Amino acid sequence: MTQHFKGNFGELEFNVNGNEATGSYQKNGTLQGQYADGQFEGTWTNMGMEGRIAFTIADGHLKGTWKKGLEPGAMRGKWFGDLVSDPSEREKIGFVVPTEETSETATPQQDESSETQMIPDFPSIEYSEHNILACSIAALTRHMIVADRVVTDNEAAWMQDVLEHYDAQGIPVRSVWDEIDDRMQILESIGAHAGVLERSAEIIKVGLDDTEKNFLLNAFQNIVAQDDVVTYEEFQGLSFTLEQWYPGKTDQMIENFKKSGIRLDF
């Protein structure tokens, strides 16, 4: 039996043979484990990483959790999607991966003068293409964590996941994090941080491919939904970023939150 789901990790092809189940998602992601009575428990691999995952399939909806690493422990990540029964109805976008039309129209022309607009805000960082990306990723990730003015251990753990992910790619988010944190606190205190966040989203839109933007959006969703409630401030930051990268997808994000039991507190 093969089923297709669209959700927060894009499109999942899920195959069941007896009690054995496998799956594929995004470009290189795979699942493997045991499936019985609507319950799947197993492991995932993607982009050189691996971890544990468990989810339930019922009434055409998939809902579950996942974690990085194979050791036992709480699974903080959320994994959800809806069954697509007719392959002809399936879009190539899932939750955050763009259509070909979006990909062709979403990337603006970049010029050297606009690329350097963030530099005066972070004067001690030696800038390179990777450092500009690192500052942008740090600024947006930090905003998602502090938007509701409460920082939980699980949100901090997601921050570490982002740092480790980009450490492995040579994008030094960890190295610039403390300065970005200090500077953004100052900018927030005088109400001048919105421009940096907007520019950060623009830089990431141009500088990262769809797989990496998808990674960040999934991290941001998990950060704001850790307490199963999304505040207006959290939603503003997340929806603004989503619309910058993939216009027109906010309604889909809202529906996915609701279907996964996440309350929108506004």
Protein backbone atom coordinates (compact mmCIF):
# COMPACT_ATOMS: atom_id res chain seq x y z
CA MET A 1 0.00 0.00 0.00
CA THR A 2 1.31 3.44 -0.94
CA GLN A 3 -0.10 6.70 0.38
CA HIS A 4 0.89 10.30 -0.31
CA PHE A 5 0.66 13.08 2.26
CA LYS A 6 1.26 16.82 2.01
CA GLY A 7 2.36 18.58 5.18
CA ASN A 8 5.01 20.55 6.99
CA PHE A 9 7.84 18.43 5.53
CA GLY A 10 6.64 18.75 1.97
CA GLU A 11 5.26 15.66 0.24
CA LEU A 12 5.69 12.25 1.87
CA GLU A 13 5.35 9.00 -0.05
CA PHE A 14 4.56 6.34 2.56
CA ASN A 15 4.74 2.63 1.70
CA VAL A 16 3.46 -0.24 3.85
CA ASN A 17 4.21 -3.92 3.27
CA GLY A 18 2.84 -6.04 6.07
CA ASN A 19 4.19 -4.46 9.25
CA GLU A 20 7.19 -2.95 7.48
CA ALA A 21 6.97 0.67 6.32
CA THR A 22 9.23 3.01 4.39
CA GLY A 23 8.86 6.55 3.15
CA SER A 24 10.54 9.29 1.16
CA TYR A 25 10.20 13.07 1.45
CA GLN A 26 11.91 16.24 0.25
CA LYS A 27 14.95 15.48 -1.95
CA ASN A 28 16.83 12.92 0.12
CA GLY A 29 14.72 12.21 3.19
CA THR A 30 13.74 8.63 4.04
CA LEU A 31 11.72 6.86 6.74
CA GLN A 32 11.95 3.25 7.87
CA GLY A 33 10.11 1.41 10.64
CA GLN A 34 7.10 -0.58 11.79
CA TYR A 35 3.46 0.20 11.03
CA ALA A 36 0.39 -1.39 12.62
CA ASP A 37 -3.16 -0.22 13.38
CA GLY A 38 -2.48 3.28 12.11
CA GLN A 39 0.67 3.73 14.20
CA PHE A 40 4.14 4.19 12.71
CA GLU A 41 7.35 4.16 14.71
CA GLY A 42 10.79 4.25 13.16
CA THR A 43 13.73 6.36 12.06
CA TRP A 44 14.41 9.10 9.53
CA THR A 45 17.50 10.13 7.58
CA ASN A 46 18.01 13.37 5.66
CA MET A 47 21.01 15.42 4.54
CA GLY A 48 23.48 13.31 6.52
CA MET A 49 21.42 13.45 9.73
CA GLU A 50 19.20 10.85 11.39
CA GLY A 51 16.72 10.52 14.18
CA ARG A 52 13.56 8.93 15.54
CA ILE A 53 9.97 9.53 14.44
CA ALA A 54 6.49 8.32 15.41
CA PHE A 55 3.13 9.27 13.95
CA THR A 56 -0.50 8.23 13.68
CA ILE A 57 -2.57 8.05 10.50
CA ALA A 58 -6.32 8.43 10.99
CA ASP A 59 -9.17 9.82 8.87
CA GLY A 60 -6.80 10.99 6.17
CA HIS A 61 -4.55 12.94 8.55
CA LEU A 62 -0.99 12.23 9.67
CA LYS A 63 0.14 13.61 13.02
CA GLY A 64 3.27 12.83 15.00
CA THR A 65 6.59 13.88 16.46
CA TRP A 66 10.28 13.47 15.70
CA LYS A 67 13.71 14.10 17.18
CA LYS A 68 17.28 14.34 16.03
CA GLY A 69 19.46 11.41 17.15
CA LEU A 70 18.64 7.74 17.70
CA GLU A 71 18.95 7.70 21.48
CA PRO A 72 15.72 7.47 23.52
CA GLY A 73 14.22 10.77 24.60
CA ALA A 74 11.45 13.27 24.12
CA MET A 75 10.57 14.09 20.52
CA ARG A 76 9.99 17.85 20.28
CA GLY A 77 9.54 18.20 16.54
CA LYS A 78 6.07 18.07 15.01
CA TRP A 79 5.25 16.19 11.81
CA PHE A 80 1.84 16.50 10.22
CA GLY A 81 0.10 16.24 6.87
CA ASP A 82 -3.03 15.38 4.92
CA LEU A 83 -3.65 12.40 2.67
CA VAL A 84 -3.75 13.10 -1.07
CA SER A 85 -5.60 10.23 -2.67
CA ASP A 86 -5.35 11.20 -6.33
CA PRO A 87 -1.77 11.68 -7.59
CA SER A 88 -3.03 14.13 -10.21
CA GLU A 89 -4.18 16.42 -7.39
CA ARG A 90 -0.79 16.57 -5.70
CA GLU A 91 1.07 19.83 -5.92
CA LYS A 92 4.85 19.88 -5.81
CA ILE A 93 4.86 22.43 -3.03
CA GLY A 94 3.80 20.58 0.12
CA PHE A 95 3.80 23.14 2.91
CA VAL A 96 6.77 25.35 2.17
CA VAL A 97 8.46 24.11 -1.02
CA PRO A 98 7.55 26.45 -3.91
CA THR A 99 6.01 25.68 -7.25
CA GLU A 100 8.13 26.19 -10.36
CA GLU A 101 6.24 29.42 -11.01
CA THR A 102 7.06 30.70 -7.53
CA SER A 103 10.71 29.72 -7.94
CA GLU A 104 10.98 31.65 -11.18
CA THR A 105 9.28 34.77 -9.90
CA ALA A 106 10.29 34.87 -6.23
CA THR A 107 14.00 35.66 -6.54
CA PRO A 108 14.67 39.37 -6.95
CA GLN A 109 17.70 40.81 -8.66
CA GLN A 110 20.47 41.35 -6.15
CA ASP A 111 22.95 44.21 -6.21
CA GLU A 112 26.01 44.91 -4.12
CA SER A 113 24.60 48.05 -2.50
CA SER A 114 21.50 46.26 -1.14
CA GLU A 115 23.52 43.27 0.05
CA THR A 116 25.59 45.41 2.39
CA GLN A 117 22.73 47.26 4.09
CA MET A 118 22.99 45.12 7.24
CA ILE A 119 26.70 45.75 7.74
CA PRO A 120 26.44 49.00 9.75
CA ASP A 121 24.22 47.22 12.29
CA PHE A 122 26.89 44.59 13.07
CA PRO A 123 30.18 46.51 12.85
CA SER A 124 32.65 44.03 14.37
CA ILE A 125 31.83 41.13 12.02
CA GLU A 126 34.15 40.60 9.06
CA TYR A 127 31.69 40.23 6.24
CA SER A 128 31.63 37.58 3.57
CA GLU A 129 28.77 35.95 1.70
CA HIS A 130 28.53 33.24 4.37
CA ASN A 131 28.71 35.73 7.23
CA ILE A 132 25.91 37.84 5.76
CA LEU A 133 23.79 34.69 5.55
CA ALA A 134 24.81 33.71 9.08
CA CYS A 135 23.75 37.10 10.48
CA SER A 136 20.43 36.89 8.65
CA ILE A 137 19.71 33.36 9.89
CA ALA A 138 20.66 34.32 13.44
CA ALA A 139 18.47 37.45 13.42
CA LEU A 140 15.35 35.64 12.18
CA THR A 141 15.84 32.56 14.38
CA ARG A 142 16.36 34.73 17.45
CA HIS A 143 13.20 36.70 16.65
CA MET A 144 11.10 33.53 16.48
CA ILE A 145 12.44 32.49 19.89
CA VAL A 146 11.87 35.80 21.70
CA ALA A 147 8.72 37.02 19.91
CA ASP A 148 6.42 35.96 22.77
CA ARG A 149 8.92 37.20 25.41
CA VAL A 150 9.25 33.69 26.88
CA VAL A 151 12.23 31.48 26.04
CA THR A 152 11.77 27.79 26.86
CA ASP A 153 14.31 24.99 27.01
CA ASN A 154 12.76 23.40 23.93
CA GLU A 155 13.08 26.65 21.97
CA ALA A 156 16.73 26.87 23.02
CA ALA A 157 17.20 23.30 21.86
CA TRP A 158 15.79 24.20 18.45
CA MET A 159 18.24 27.09 18.32
CA GLN A 160 21.05 24.60 18.87
CA ASP A 161 19.70 22.46 16.03
CA VAL A 162 19.88 25.48 13.71
CA LEU A 163 23.43 26.30 14.85
CA GLU A 164 24.62 22.72 14.35
CA HIS A 165 22.94 22.45 10.97
CA TYR A 166 24.72 25.50 9.59
CA ASP A 167 28.01 24.73 11.33
CA ALA A 168 28.09 21.60 9.19
CA GLN A 169 27.66 23.74 6.06
CA GLY A 170 30.30 26.32 6.90
CA ILE A 171 27.78 29.10 7.56
CA PRO A 172 28.96 30.49 10.92
CA VAL A 173 25.65 31.23 12.63
CA ARG A 174 27.09 30.16 15.98
CA SER A 175 30.03 32.55 15.64
CA VAL A 176 27.85 35.61 15.05
CA TRP A 177 24.98 34.67 17.37
CA ASP A 178 26.08 36.60 20.48
CA GLU A 179 26.69 39.84 18.60
CA ILE A 180 23.40 39.53 16.74
CA ASP A 181 21.63 38.90 20.06
CA ASP A 182 23.21 41.97 21.70
CA ARG A 183 22.59 44.21 18.72
CA MET A 184 19.00 43.10 18.20
CA GLN A 185 18.22 43.81 21.86
CA ILE A 186 19.38 47.39 21.33
CA LEU A 187 17.41 47.76 18.10
CA GLU A 188 14.27 46.33 19.74
CA SER A 189 14.56 48.78 22.63
CA ILE A 190 14.31 51.70 20.20
CA GLY A 191 11.84 50.06 17.81
CA ALA A 192 14.33 49.80 14.96
CA HIS A 193 14.61 46.03 14.51
CA ALA A 194 11.92 45.48 11.86
CA GLY A 195 14.13 46.67 9.01
CA VAL A 196 16.90 44.23 9.94
CA LEU A 197 14.41 41.35 10.04
CA GLU A 198 13.00 42.34 6.65
CA ARG A 199 16.46 42.57 5.11
CA SER A 200 17.43 39.25 6.71
CA ALA A 201 14.47 37.55 5.05
CA GLU A 202 15.47 39.06 1.69
CA ILE A 203 19.08 37.87 2.02
CA ILE A 204 18.01 34.33 2.93
CA LYS A 205 15.51 34.29 0.07
CA VAL A 206 18.33 34.89 -2.40
CA GLY A 207 21.16 33.10 -0.58
CA LEU A 208 19.59 29.75 0.36
CA ASP A 209 17.97 27.16 -1.86
CA ASP A 210 14.46 25.81 -1.31
CA THR A 211 15.64 22.87 0.80
CA GLU A 212 17.42 25.20 3.23
CA LYS A 213 14.53 27.67 3.39
CA ASN A 214 12.29 24.68 4.05
CA PHE A 215 14.59 23.62 6.91
CA LEU A 216 14.41 27.07 8.48
CA LEU A 217 10.64 27.39 8.12
CA ASN A 218 10.16 24.02 9.78
CA ALA A 219 12.48 25.07 12.60
CA PHE A 220 10.58 28.35 12.99
CA GLN A 221 7.20 26.56 13.08
CA ASN A 222 8.44 24.20 15.77
CA ILE A 223 9.90 27.07 17.80
CA VAL A 224 6.66 29.08 17.89
CA ALA A 225 4.49 25.98 18.51
CA GLN A 226 6.43 24.46 21.41
CA ASP A 227 3.66 25.25 23.92
CA ASP A 228 0.93 24.33 21.38
CA VAL A 229 -0.04 28.02 21.21
CA VAL A 230 1.05 30.59 18.62
CA THR A 231 0.77 34.21 19.78
CA TYR A 232 0.04 37.11 17.48
CA GLU A 233 3.64 38.30 17.70
CA GLU A 234 4.97 34.85 16.79
CA PHE A 235 2.49 34.52 13.94
CA GLN A 236 3.43 37.94 12.57
CA GLY A 237 7.10 36.99 12.34
CA LEU A 238 6.43 33.58 10.85
CA SER A 239 3.81 34.66 8.34
CA PHE A 240 5.91 37.63 7.21
CA THR A 241 8.87 35.35 6.53
CA LEU A 242 6.72 32.76 4.76
CA GLU A 243 5.14 35.39 2.52
CA GLN A 244 8.55 36.84 1.68
CA TRP A 245 9.81 33.46 0.49
CA TYR A 246 6.63 31.80 -0.80
CA PRO A 247 3.78 34.29 -1.30
CA GLY A 248 0.25 33.06 -0.74
CA LYS A 249 1.05 30.18 1.63
CA THR A 250 -0.11 31.72 4.95
CA ASP A 251 -3.62 30.21 4.79
CA GLN A 252 -2.09 26.79 4.26
CA MET A 253 0.15 27.32 7.28
CA ILE A 254 -2.84 28.31 9.42
CA GLU A 255 -4.76 25.19 8.39
CA ASN A 256 -1.77 22.97 9.15
CA PHE A 257 -1.40 24.49 12.61
CA LYS A 258 -5.09 23.93 13.35
CA LYS A 259 -5.06 20.36 12.11
CA SER A 260 -2.07 19.58 14.31
CA GLY A 261 -3.83 20.91 17.41
CA ILE A 262 -1.90 24.19 17.62
CA ARG A 263 -4.02 27.09 18.90
CA LEU A 264 -3.67 30.52 17.31
CA ASP A 265 -4.00 32.94 20.23
CA PHE A 266 -5.38 36.01 18.44
